[in-house]
Amino acid sequence: MGVMHVVMFSFKPLATPEEVQEVCDKLLALKDTCLHPETNRPYMKNIIGGVNTHMSDAQDRVTHAFVSEFDSDEDREYYLKIDPAYAAFWEGAKGIVEKTEVVGFMPGKF
């Protein structure tokens, strides 16, 4: 396994179900639209996500979670700091997403 990137959202109260679905669909589509700067090929290994099915006070209104996998820290950092497709996604999502929580980890590394 590579490097994991977890992002959790809560959406603004006035966001419509259609707007929420569009943000989720666009985030999942980044697997194919984020291209490596040297190979010009998709570099995200995998992304999965869905609605939070365990609502409790501990989640602080987090409603959706997504887990992405990258081959390396360098790929993840490119994704987060440089990738134009990712930047465009966030530009469109920021009016609908109220809060994000992010965690990164390498499986089995403690």
PDB file of N, CA and C in Angstrom:
ATOM      1  N   MET A   1       0.836  -1.187   0.000  1.00  0.00           N
ATOM      2  CA  MET A   1       0.000   0.000   0.000  1.00  0.00           C
ATOM      3  C   MET A   1       0.871   1.237   0.000  1.00  0.00           C
ATOM      4  N   GLY A   2       0.297   2.306  -0.494  1.00  0.00           N
ATOM      5  CA  GLY A   2       1.012   3.553  -0.604  1.00  0.00           C
ATOM      6  C   GLY A   2       0.696   4.517   0.523  1.00  0.00           C
ATOM      7  N   VAL A   3       0.447   5.744   0.145  1.00  0.00           N
ATOM      8  CA  VAL A   3       0.158   6.830   1.072  1.00  0.00           C
ATOM      9  C   VAL A   3      -1.335   7.130   0.977  1.00  0.00           C
ATOM     10  N   MET A   4      -1.989   7.163   2.118  1.00  0.00           N
ATOM     11  CA  MET A   4      -3.426   7.378   2.167  1.00  0.00           C
ATOM     12  C   MET A   4      -3.727   8.829   2.530  1.00  0.00           C
ATOM     13  N   HIS A   5      -4.787   9.350   1.945  1.00  0.00           N
ATOM     14  CA  HIS A   5      -5.254  10.708   2.205  1.00  0.00           C
ATOM     15  C   HIS A   5      -6.750  10.618   2.489  1.00  0.00           C
ATOM     16  N   VAL A   6      -7.149  11.009   3.686  1.00  0.00           N
ATOM     17  CA  VAL A   6      -8.549  10.960   4.092  1.00  0.00           C
ATOM     18  C   VAL A   6      -9.059  12.381   4.218  1.00  0.00           C
ATOM     19  N   VAL A   7     -10.193  12.666   3.602  1.00  0.00           N
ATOM     20  CA  VAL A   7     -10.840  13.967   3.768  1.00  0.00           C
ATOM     21  C   VAL A   7     -12.296  13.729   4.145  1.00  0.00           C
ATOM     22  N   MET A   8     -12.734  14.484   5.147  1.00  0.00           N
ATOM     23  CA  MET A   8     -14.110  14.386   5.626  1.00  0.00           C
ATOM     24  C   MET A   8     -14.753  15.758   5.522  1.00  0.00           C
ATOM     25  N   PHE A   9     -16.010  15.785   5.094  1.00  0.00           N
ATOM     26  CA  PHE A   9     -16.730  17.040   4.860  1.00  0.00           C
ATOM     27  C   PHE A   9     -17.958  17.149   5.740  1.00  0.00           C
ATOM     28  N   SER A  10     -18.320  18.388   6.001  1.00  0.00           N
ATOM     29  CA  SER A  10     -19.698  18.736   6.323  1.00  0.00           C
ATOM     30  C   SER A  10     -20.060  19.816   5.314  1.00  0.00           C
ATOM     31  N   PHE A  11     -21.282  19.788   4.857  1.00  0.00           N
ATOM     32  CA  PHE A  11     -21.740  20.734   3.852  1.00  0.00           C
ATOM     33  C   PHE A  11     -22.544  21.849   4.502  1.00  0.00           C
ATOM     34  N   LYS A  12     -22.568  22.990   3.841  1.00  0.00           N
ATOM     35  CA  LYS A  12     -23.320  24.133   4.351  1.00  0.00           C
ATOM     36  C   LYS A  12     -24.795  23.762   4.440  1.00  0.00           C
ATOM     37  N   PRO A  13     -25.491  24.281   5.445  1.00  0.00           N
ATOM     38  CA  PRO A  13     -26.897  23.903   5.655  1.00  0.00           C
ATOM     39  C   PRO A  13     -27.796  24.148   4.445  1.00  0.00           C
ATOM     40  N   LEU A  14     -27.511  25.150   3.652  1.00  0.00           N
ATOM     41  CA  LEU A  14     -28.366  25.457   2.501  1.00  0.00           C
ATOM     42  C   LEU A  14     -27.953  24.720   1.230  1.00  0.00           C
ATOM     43  N   ALA A  15     -26.929  23.890   1.295  1.00  0.00           N
ATOM     44  CA  ALA A  15     -26.522  23.105   0.115  1.00  0.00           C
ATOM     45  C   ALA A  15     -27.638  22.124  -0.231  1.00  0.00           C
ATOM     46  N   THR A  16     -27.983  22.079  -1.497  1.00  0.00           N
ATOM     47  CA  THR A  16     -29.033  21.160  -1.941  1.00  0.00           C
ATOM     48  C   THR A  16     -28.454  19.757  -2.099  1.00  0.00           C
ATOM     49  N   PRO A  17     -29.302  18.742  -2.073  1.00  0.00           N
ATOM     50  CA  PRO A  17     -28.811  17.383  -2.316  1.00  0.00           C
ATOM     51  C   PRO A  17     -28.100  17.255  -3.662  1.00  0.00           C
ATOM     52  N   GLU A  18     -28.551  17.983  -4.666  1.00  0.00           N
ATOM     53  CA  GLU A  18     -27.916  17.942  -5.980  1.00  0.00           C
ATOM     54  C   GLU A  18     -26.510  18.551  -5.933  1.00  0.00           C
ATOM     55  N   GLU A  19     -26.348  19.642  -5.193  1.00  0.00           N
ATOM     56  CA  GLU A  19     -25.031  20.267  -5.058  1.00  0.00           C
ATOM     57  C   GLU A  19     -24.068  19.347  -4.317  1.00  0.00           C
ATOM     58  N   VAL A  20     -24.555  18.702  -3.268  1.00  0.00           N
ATOM     59  CA  VAL A  20     -23.734  17.766  -2.505  1.00  0.00           C
ATOM     60  C   VAL A  20     -23.308  16.604  -3.405  1.00  0.00           C
ATOM     61  N   GLN A  21     -24.241  16.063  -4.165  1.00  0.00           N
ATOM     62  CA  GLN A  21     -23.922  14.952  -5.068  1.00  0.00           C
ATOM     63  C   GLN A  21     -22.899  15.376  -6.108  1.00  0.00           C
ATOM     64  N   GLU A  22     -23.031  16.588  -6.630  1.00  0.00           N
ATOM     65  CA  GLU A  22     -22.090  17.079  -7.635  1.00  0.00           C
ATOM     66  C   GLU A  22     -20.676  17.184  -7.069  1.00  0.00           C
ATOM     67  N   VAL A  23     -20.541  17.704  -5.845  1.00  0.00           N
ATOM     68  CA  VAL A  23     -19.221  17.796  -5.208  1.00  0.00           C
ATOM     69  C   VAL A  23     -18.635  16.403  -5.032  1.00  0.00           C
ATOM     70  N   CYS A  24     -19.446  15.472  -4.557  1.00  0.00           N
ATOM     71  CA  CYS A  24     -18.960  14.098  -4.352  1.00  0.00           C
ATOM     72  C   CYS A  24     -18.535  13.460  -5.668  1.00  0.00           C
ATOM     73  N   ASP A  25     -19.341  13.625  -6.703  1.00  0.00           N
ATOM     74  CA  ASP A  25     -19.010  13.054  -8.015  1.00  0.00           C
ATOM     75  C   ASP A  25     -17.716  13.648  -8.566  1.00  0.00           C
ATOM     76  N   LYS A  26     -17.560  14.965  -8.416  1.00  0.00           N
ATOM     77  CA  LYS A  26     -16.351  15.618  -8.933  1.00  0.00           C
ATOM     78  C   LYS A  26     -15.107  15.193  -8.158  1.00  0.00           C
ATOM     79  N   LEU A  27     -15.245  14.995  -6.854  1.00  0.00           N
ATOM     80  CA  LEU A  27     -14.095  14.535  -6.077  1.00  0.00           C
ATOM     81  C   LEU A  27     -13.695  13.131  -6.520  1.00  0.00           C
ATOM     82  N   LEU A  28     -14.652  12.241  -6.685  1.00  0.00           N
ATOM     83  CA  LEU A  28     -14.340  10.882  -7.130  1.00  0.00           C
ATOM     84  C   LEU A  28     -13.740  10.879  -8.543  1.00  0.00           C
ATOM     85  N   ALA A  29     -14.153  11.810  -9.383  1.00  0.00           N
ATOM     86  CA  ALA A  29     -13.640  11.885 -10.754  1.00  0.00           C
ATOM     87  C   ALA A  29     -12.177  12.316 -10.808  1.00  0.00           C
ATOM     88  N   LEU A  30     -11.654  12.898  -9.718  1.00  0.00           N
ATOM     89  CA  LEU A  30     -10.258  13.335  -9.719  1.00  0.00           C
ATOM     90  C   LEU A  30      -9.296  12.178  -9.963  1.00  0.00           C
ATOM     91  N   LYS A  31      -9.715  10.958  -9.670  1.00  0.00           N
ATOM     92  CA  LYS A  31      -8.856   9.795  -9.941  1.00  0.00           C
ATOM     93  C   LYS A  31      -8.452   9.745 -11.410  1.00  0.00           C
ATOM     94  N   ASP A  32      -9.330  10.193 -12.281  1.00  0.00           N
ATOM     95  CA  ASP A  32      -9.057  10.155 -13.716  1.00  0.00           C
ATOM     96  C   ASP A  32      -8.598  11.500 -14.280  1.00  0.00           C
ATOM     97  N   THR A  33      -8.924  12.588 -13.600  1.00  0.00           N
ATOM     98  CA  THR A  33      -8.607  13.905 -14.149  1.00  0.00           C
ATOM     99  C   THR A  33      -7.325  14.516 -13.600  1.00  0.00           C
ATOM    100  N   CYS A  34      -6.826  14.011 -12.484  1.00  0.00           N
ATOM    101  CA  CYS A  34      -5.545  14.486 -11.951  1.00  0.00           C
ATOM    102  C   CYS A  34      -4.432  13.737 -12.685  1.00  0.00           C
ATOM    103  N   LEU A  35      -3.623  14.485 -13.414  1.00  0.00           N
ATOM    104  CA  LEU A  35      -2.590  13.876 -14.254  1.00  0.00           C
ATOM    105  C   LEU A  35      -1.200  14.193 -13.712  1.00  0.00           C
ATOM    106  N   HIS A  36      -0.343  13.187 -13.732  1.00  0.00           N
ATOM    107  CA  HIS A  36       1.031  13.351 -13.277  1.00  0.00           C
ATOM    108  C   HIS A  36       1.750  14.340 -14.189  1.00  0.00           C
ATOM    109  N   PRO A  37       2.531  15.268 -13.629  1.00  0.00           N
ATOM    110  CA  PRO A  37       3.165  16.297 -14.461  1.00  0.00           C
ATOM    111  C   PRO A  37       4.210  15.763 -15.443  1.00  0.00           C
ATOM    112  N   GLU A  38       4.767  14.611 -15.168  1.00  0.00           N
ATOM    113  CA  GLU A  38       5.798  14.059 -16.055  1.00  0.00           C
ATOM    114  C   GLU A  38       5.237  13.052 -17.056  1.00  0.00           C
ATOM    115  N   THR A  39       4.292  12.224 -16.614  1.00  0.00           N
ATOM    116  CA  THR A  39       3.758  11.181 -17.498  1.00  0.00           C
ATOM    117  C   THR A  39       2.465  11.589 -18.192  1.00  0.00           C
ATOM    118  N   ASN A  40       1.806  12.619 -17.666  1.00  0.00           N
ATOM    119  CA  ASN A  40       0.509  13.074 -18.163  1.00  0.00           C
ATOM    120  C   ASN A  40      -0.545  11.971 -18.080  1.00  0.00           C
ATOM    121  N   ARG A  41      -0.363  11.080 -17.098  1.00  0.00           N
ATOM    122  CA  ARG A  41      -1.306   9.986 -16.854  1.00  0.00           C
ATOM    123  C   ARG A  41      -1.860  10.119 -15.437  1.00  0.00           C
ATOM    124  N   PRO A  42      -3.061   9.579 -15.184  1.00  0.00           N
ATOM    125  CA  PRO A  42      -3.597   9.627 -13.822  1.00  0.00           C
ATOM    126  C   PRO A  42      -2.626   8.983 -12.831  1.00  0.00           C
ATOM    127  N   TYR A  43      -2.469   9.581 -11.672  1.00  0.00           N
ATOM    128  CA  TYR A  43      -1.514   9.083 -10.686  1.00  0.00           C
ATOM    129  C   TYR A  43      -2.146   8.719  -9.347  1.00  0.00           C
ATOM    130  N   MET A  44      -3.400   9.024  -9.159  1.00  0.00           N
ATOM    131  CA  MET A  44      -4.086   8.587  -7.944  1.00  0.00           C
ATOM    132  C   MET A  44      -4.422   7.109  -8.124  1.00  0.00           C
ATOM    133  N   LYS A  45      -3.968   6.272  -7.193  1.00  0.00           N
ATOM    134  CA  LYS A  45      -4.172   4.832  -7.335  1.00  0.00           C
ATOM    135  C   LYS A  45      -5.635   4.447  -7.155  1.00  0.00           C
ATOM    136  N   ASN A  46      -6.294   5.085  -6.179  1.00  0.00           N
ATOM    137  CA  ASN A  46      -7.672   4.719  -5.876  1.00  0.00           C
ATOM    138  C   ASN A  46      -8.312   5.835  -5.071  1.00  0.00           C
ATOM    139  N   ILE A  47      -9.630   5.931  -5.155  1.00  0.00           N
ATOM    140  CA  ILE A  47     -10.399   6.807  -4.276  1.00  0.00           C
ATOM    141  C   ILE A  47     -11.756   6.165  -4.051  1.00  0.00           C
ATOM    142  N   ILE A  48     -12.172   6.166  -2.805  1.00  0.00           N
ATOM    143  CA  ILE A  48     -13.501   5.688  -2.437  1.00  0.00           C
ATOM    144  C   ILE A  48     -14.111   6.713  -1.493  1.00  0.00           C
ATOM    145  N   GLY A  49     -15.411   6.684  -1.373  1.00  0.00           N
ATOM    146  CA  GLY A  49     -16.050   7.615  -0.458  1.00  0.00           C
ATOM    147  C   GLY A  49     -17.519   7.309  -0.305  1.00  0.00           C
ATOM    148  N   GLY A  50     -18.123   8.003   0.651  1.00  0.00           N
ATOM    149  CA  GLY A  50     -19.542   7.824   0.870  1.00  0.00           C
ATOM    150  C   GLY A  50     -20.049   8.661   2.024  1.00  0.00           C
ATOM    151  N   VAL A  51     -21.322   8.502   2.266  1.00  0.00           N
ATOM    152  CA  VAL A  51     -21.984   9.250   3.334  1.00  0.00           C
ATOM    153  C   VAL A  51     -21.682   8.599   4.681  1.00  0.00           C
ATOM    154  N   ASN A  52     -21.561   9.411   5.701  1.00  0.00           N
ATOM    155  CA  ASN A  52     -21.310   8.934   7.056  1.00  0.00           C
ATOM    156  C   ASN A  52     -22.544   8.185   7.550  1.00  0.00           C
ATOM    157  N   THR A  53     -22.387   6.938   7.889  1.00  0.00           N
ATOM    158  CA  THR A  53     -23.508   6.132   8.368  1.00  0.00           C
ATOM    159  C   THR A  53     -23.499   5.975   9.881  1.00  0.00           C
ATOM    160  N   HIS A  54     -22.588   6.656  10.565  1.00  0.00           N
ATOM    161  CA  HIS A  54     -22.487   6.564  12.018  1.00  0.00           C
ATOM    162  C   HIS A  54     -22.470   7.979  12.602  1.00  0.00           C
ATOM    163  N   MET A  55     -23.617   8.602  12.594  1.00  0.00           N
ATOM    164  CA  MET A  55     -23.691   9.966  13.090  1.00  0.00           C
ATOM    165  C   MET A  55     -23.739   9.961  14.621  1.00  0.00           C
ATOM    166  N   SER A  56     -22.818  10.701  15.210  1.00  0.00           N
ATOM    167  CA  SER A  56     -22.808  10.894  16.657  1.00  0.00           C
ATOM    168  C   SER A  56     -22.166  12.242  16.936  1.00  0.00           C
ATOM    169  N   ASP A  57     -22.204  12.672  18.149  1.00  0.00           N
ATOM    170  CA  ASP A  57     -21.615  13.957  18.511  1.00  0.00           C
ATOM    171  C   ASP A  57     -20.111  13.984  18.239  1.00  0.00           C
ATOM    172  N   ALA A  58     -19.470  12.840  18.255  1.00  0.00           N
ATOM    173  CA  ALA A  58     -18.023  12.776  18.060  1.00  0.00           C
ATOM    174  C   ALA A  58     -17.610  13.195  16.647  1.00  0.00           C
ATOM    175  N   GLN A  59     -18.502  13.064  15.670  1.00  0.00           N
ATOM    176  CA  GLN A  59     -18.145  13.393  14.293  1.00  0.00           C
ATOM    177  C   GLN A  59     -18.251  14.882  13.981  1.00  0.00           C
ATOM    178  N   ASP A  60     -18.822  15.675  14.875  1.00  0.00           N
ATOM    179  CA  ASP A  60     -18.906  17.119  14.678  1.00  0.00           C
ATOM    180  C   ASP A  60     -19.492  17.471  13.314  1.00  0.00           C
ATOM    181  N   ARG A  61     -20.616  16.835  12.980  1.00  0.00           N
ATOM    182  CA  ARG A  61     -21.386  17.094  11.755  1.00  0.00           C
ATOM    183  C   ARG A  61     -20.709  16.638  10.470  1.00  0.00           C
ATOM    184  N   VAL A  62     -19.663  15.848  10.539  1.00  0.00           N
ATOM    185  CA  VAL A  62     -19.067  15.287   9.326  1.00  0.00           C
ATOM    186  C   VAL A  62     -20.098  14.376   8.670  1.00  0.00           C
ATOM    187  N   THR A  63     -20.387  14.650   7.396  1.00  0.00           N
ATOM    188  CA  THR A  63     -21.427  13.879   6.711  1.00  0.00           C
ATOM    189  C   THR A  63     -20.897  12.951   5.628  1.00  0.00           C
ATOM    190  N   HIS A  64     -19.706  13.243   5.099  1.00  0.00           N
ATOM    191  CA  HIS A  64     -19.145  12.455   4.008  1.00  0.00           C
ATOM    192  C   HIS A  64     -17.650  12.257   4.233  1.00  0.00           C
ATOM    193  N   ALA A  65     -17.135  11.112   3.787  1.00  0.00           N
ATOM    194  CA  ALA A  65     -15.706  10.831   3.922  1.00  0.00           C
ATOM    195  C   ALA A  65     -15.191  10.192   2.637  1.00  0.00           C
ATOM    196  N   PHE A  66     -13.924  10.501   2.322  1.00  0.00           N
ATOM    197  CA  PHE A  66     -13.275   9.984   1.116  1.00  0.00           C
ATOM    198  C   PHE A  66     -11.856   9.565   1.466  1.00  0.00           C
ATOM    199  N   VAL A  67     -11.420   8.456   0.895  1.00  0.00           N
ATOM    200  CA  VAL A  67     -10.069   7.952   1.116  1.00  0.00           C
ATOM    201  C   VAL A  67      -9.402   7.778  -0.249  1.00  0.00           C
ATOM    202  N   SER A  68      -8.277   8.468  -0.429  1.00  0.00           N
ATOM    203  CA  SER A  68      -7.499   8.382  -1.666  1.00  0.00           C
ATOM    204  C   SER A  68      -6.186   7.683  -1.373  1.00  0.00           C
ATOM    205  N   GLU A  69      -5.659   6.989  -2.364  1.00  0.00           N
ATOM    206  CA  GLU A  69      -4.363   6.323  -2.216  1.00  0.00           C
ATOM    207  C   GLU A  69      -3.408   6.800  -3.309  1.00  0.00           C
ATOM    208  N   PHE A  70      -2.181   7.106  -2.884  1.00  0.00           N
ATOM    209  CA  PHE A  70      -1.128   7.553  -3.790  1.00  0.00           C
ATOM    210  C   PHE A  70       0.080   6.639  -3.628  1.00  0.00           C
ATOM    211  N   ASP A  71       0.929   6.574  -4.648  1.00  0.00           N
ATOM    212  CA  ASP A  71       2.144   5.771  -4.569  1.00  0.00           C
ATOM    213  C   ASP A  71       3.168   6.346  -3.613  1.00  0.00           C
ATOM    214  N   SER A  72       3.196   7.674  -3.472  1.00  0.00           N
ATOM    215  CA  SER A  72       4.266   8.301  -2.697  1.00  0.00           C
ATOM    216  C   SER A  72       3.795   9.595  -2.049  1.00  0.00           C
ATOM    217  N   ASP A  73       4.574  10.054  -1.064  1.00  0.00           N
ATOM    218  CA  ASP A  73       4.327  11.359  -0.461  1.00  0.00           C
ATOM    219  C   ASP A  73       4.406  12.456  -1.517  1.00  0.00           C
ATOM    220  N   GLU A  74       5.347  12.313  -2.446  1.00  0.00           N
ATOM    221  CA  GLU A  74       5.514  13.323  -3.490  1.00  0.00           C
ATOM    222  C   GLU A  74       4.250  13.456  -4.340  1.00  0.00           C
ATOM    223  N   ASP A  75       3.642  12.327  -4.684  1.00  0.00           N
ATOM    224  CA  ASP A  75       2.398  12.382  -5.460  1.00  0.00           C
ATOM    225  C   ASP A  75       1.288  13.044  -4.655  1.00  0.00           C
ATOM    226  N   ARG A  76       1.173  12.688  -3.392  1.00  0.00           N
ATOM    227  CA  ARG A  76       0.133  13.296  -2.553  1.00  0.00           C
ATOM    228  C   ARG A  76       0.367  14.801  -2.410  1.00  0.00           C
ATOM    229  N   GLU A  77       1.599  15.207  -2.209  1.00  0.00           N
ATOM    230  CA  GLU A  77       1.898  16.635  -2.057  1.00  0.00           C
ATOM    231  C   GLU A  77       1.630  17.399  -3.362  1.00  0.00           C
ATOM    232  N   TYR A  78       1.951  16.785  -4.496  1.00  0.00           N
ATOM    233  CA  TYR A  78       1.628  17.411  -5.782  1.00  0.00           C
ATOM    234  C   TYR A  78       0.118  17.604  -5.896  1.00  0.00           C
ATOM    235  N   TYR A  79      -0.627  16.578  -5.556  1.00  0.00           N
ATOM    236  CA  TYR A  79      -2.090  16.618  -5.583  1.00  0.00           C
ATOM    237  C   TYR A  79      -2.609  17.777  -4.738  1.00  0.00           C
ATOM    238  N   LEU A  80      -2.128  17.878  -3.516  1.00  0.00           N
ATOM    239  CA  LEU A  80      -2.647  18.875  -2.582  1.00  0.00           C
ATOM    240  C   LEU A  80      -2.178  20.302  -2.862  1.00  0.00           C
ATOM    241  N   LYS A  81      -0.982  20.463  -3.398  1.00  0.00           N
ATOM    242  CA  LYS A  81      -0.402  21.801  -3.501  1.00  0.00           C
ATOM    243  C   LYS A  81      -0.303  22.365  -4.913  1.00  0.00           C
ATOM    244  N   ILE A  82      -0.314  21.493  -5.943  1.00  0.00           N
ATOM    245  CA  ILE A  82      -0.019  21.981  -7.289  1.00  0.00           C
ATOM    246  C   ILE A  82      -1.065  21.571  -8.322  1.00  0.00           C
ATOM    247  N   ASP A  83      -1.583  20.373  -8.245  1.00  0.00           N
ATOM    248  CA  ASP A  83      -2.421  19.820  -9.304  1.00  0.00           C
ATOM    249  C   ASP A  83      -3.568  20.779  -9.681  1.00  0.00           C
ATOM    250  N   PRO A  84      -3.622  21.216 -10.944  1.00  0.00           N
ATOM    251  CA  PRO A  84      -4.662  22.166 -11.343  1.00  0.00           C
ATOM    252  C   PRO A  84      -6.076  21.579 -11.297  1.00  0.00           C
ATOM    253  N   ALA A  85      -6.226  20.288 -11.524  1.00  0.00           N
ATOM    254  CA  ALA A  85      -7.559  19.678 -11.455  1.00  0.00           C
ATOM    255  C   ALA A  85      -8.074  19.696 -10.015  1.00  0.00           C
ATOM    256  N   TYR A  86      -7.198  19.397  -9.067  1.00  0.00           N
ATOM    257  CA  TYR A  86      -7.569  19.448  -7.652  1.00  0.00           C
ATOM    258  C   TYR A  86      -7.893  20.884  -7.238  1.00  0.00           C
ATOM    259  N   ALA A  87      -7.083  21.838  -7.670  1.00  0.00           N
ATOM    260  CA  ALA A  87      -7.324  23.245  -7.340  1.00  0.00           C
ATOM    261  C   ALA A  87      -8.675  23.704  -7.892  1.00  0.00           C
ATOM    262  N   ALA A  88      -8.999  23.305  -9.103  1.00  0.00           N
ATOM    263  CA  ALA A  88     -10.285  23.671  -9.704  1.00  0.00           C
ATOM    264  C   ALA A  88     -11.441  23.032  -8.939  1.00  0.00           C
ATOM    265  N   PHE A  89     -11.254  21.783  -8.511  1.00  0.00           N
ATOM    266  CA  PHE A  89     -12.295  21.134  -7.708  1.00  0.00           C
ATOM    267  C   PHE A  89     -12.585  21.955  -6.458  1.00  0.00           C
ATOM    268  N   TRP A  90     -11.550  22.332  -5.714  1.00  0.00           N
ATOM    269  CA  TRP A  90     -11.756  23.076  -4.470  1.00  0.00           C
ATOM    270  C   TRP A  90     -12.326  24.457  -4.717  1.00  0.00           C
ATOM    271  N   GLU A  91     -11.963  25.070  -5.806  1.00  0.00           N
ATOM    272  CA  GLU A  91     -12.530  26.381  -6.134  1.00  0.00           C
ATOM    273  C   GLU A  91     -14.046  26.277  -6.277  1.00  0.00           C
ATOM    274  N   GLY A  92     -14.509  25.214  -6.926  1.00  0.00           N
ATOM    275  CA  GLY A  92     -15.947  25.007  -7.087  1.00  0.00           C
ATOM    276  C   GLY A  92     -16.650  24.519  -5.836  1.00  0.00           C
ATOM    277  N   ALA A  93     -15.947  23.780  -4.996  1.00  0.00           N
ATOM    278  CA  ALA A  93     -16.565  23.174  -3.810  1.00  0.00           C
ATOM    279  C   ALA A  93     -16.626  24.111  -2.611  1.00  0.00           C
ATOM    280  N   LYS A  94     -15.783  25.120  -2.570  1.00  0.00           N
ATOM    281  CA  LYS A  94     -15.676  25.914  -1.348  1.00  0.00           C
ATOM    282  C   LYS A  94     -16.963  26.655  -0.986  1.00  0.00           C
ATOM    283  N   GLY A  95     -17.824  26.908  -1.952  1.00  0.00           N
ATOM    284  CA  GLY A  95     -19.089  27.562  -1.646  1.00  0.00           C
ATOM    285  C   GLY A  95     -20.131  26.625  -1.063  1.00  0.00           C
ATOM    286  N   ILE A  96     -19.874  25.320  -1.101  1.00  0.00           N
ATOM    287  CA  ILE A  96     -20.839  24.316  -0.651  1.00  0.00           C
ATOM    288  C   ILE A  96     -20.330  23.574   0.584  1.00  0.00           C
ATOM    289  N   VAL A  97     -19.013  23.348   0.646  1.00  0.00           N
ATOM    290  CA  VAL A  97     -18.418  22.638   1.779  1.00  0.00           C
ATOM    291  C   VAL A  97     -18.241  23.616   2.929  1.00  0.00           C
ATOM    292  N   GLU A  98     -18.757  23.245   4.087  1.00  0.00           N
ATOM    293  CA  GLU A  98     -18.646  24.103   5.259  1.00  0.00           C
ATOM    294  C   GLU A  98     -17.367  23.838   6.036  1.00  0.00           C
ATOM    295  N   LYS A  99     -17.023  22.560   6.172  1.00  0.00           N
ATOM    296  CA  LYS A  99     -15.880  22.183   7.001  1.00  0.00           C
ATOM    297  C   LYS A  99     -15.207  20.969   6.401  1.00  0.00           C
ATOM    298  N   THR A 100     -13.879  20.921   6.512  1.00  0.00           N
ATOM    299  CA  THR A 100     -13.133  19.731   6.110  1.00  0.00           C
ATOM    300  C   THR A 100     -12.216  19.306   7.245  1.00  0.00           C
ATOM    301  N   GLU A 101     -12.023  18.022   7.341  1.00  0.00           N
ATOM    302  CA  GLU A 101     -11.031  17.439   8.235  1.00  0.00           C
ATOM    303  C   GLU A 101     -10.187  16.509   7.379  1.00  0.00           C
ATOM    304  N   VAL A 102      -8.873  16.557   7.568  1.00  0.00           N
ATOM    305  CA  VAL A 102      -7.964  15.796   6.711  1.00  0.00           C
ATOM    306  C   VAL A 102      -7.006  14.996   7.580  1.00  0.00           C
ATOM    307  N   VAL A 103      -6.745  13.770   7.139  1.00  0.00           N
ATOM    308  CA  VAL A 103      -5.781  12.889   7.789  1.00  0.00           C
ATOM    309  C   VAL A 103      -4.987  12.213   6.688  1.00  0.00           C
ATOM    310  N   GLY A 104      -3.681  12.100   6.891  1.00  0.00           N
ATOM    311  CA  GLY A 104      -2.844  11.350   5.967  1.00  0.00           C
ATOM    312  C   GLY A 104      -2.090  10.287   6.745  1.00  0.00           C
ATOM    313  N   PHE A 105      -1.905   9.119   6.136  1.00  0.00           N
ATOM    314  CA  PHE A 105      -1.174   8.062   6.821  1.00  0.00           C
ATOM    315  C   PHE A 105      -0.619   7.057   5.837  1.00  0.00           C
ATOM    316  N   MET A 106       0.352   6.280   6.316  1.00  0.00           N
ATOM    317  CA  MET A 106       0.875   5.150   5.565  1.00  0.00           C
ATOM    318  C   MET A 106       0.449   3.888   6.321  1.00  0.00           C
ATOM    319  N   PRO A 107      -0.299   2.998   5.677  1.00  0.00           N
ATOM    320  CA  PRO A 107      -0.785   1.811   6.369  1.00  0.00           C
ATOM    321  C   PRO A 107       0.334   1.021   7.026  1.00  0.00           C
ATOM    322  N   GLY A 108       0.125   0.690   8.284  1.00  0.00           N
ATOM    323  CA  GLY A 108       1.084  -0.118   9.036  1.00  0.00           C
ATOM    324  C   GLY A 108       2.253   0.633   9.602  1.00  0.00           C
ATOM    325  N   LYS A 109       2.390   1.917   9.304  1.00  0.00           N
ATOM    326  CA  LYS A 109       3.508   2.711   9.829  1.00  0.00           C
ATOM    327  C   LYS A 109       3.013   3.499  11.040  1.00  0.00           C
ATOM    328  N   PHE A 110       3.567   3.162  12.199  1.00  0.00           N
ATOM    329  CA  PHE A 110       3.126   3.774  13.450  1.00  0.00           C
ATOM    330  C   PHE A 110       4.213   4.578  14.091  1.00  0.00           C
TER     331      PHE A 110
END
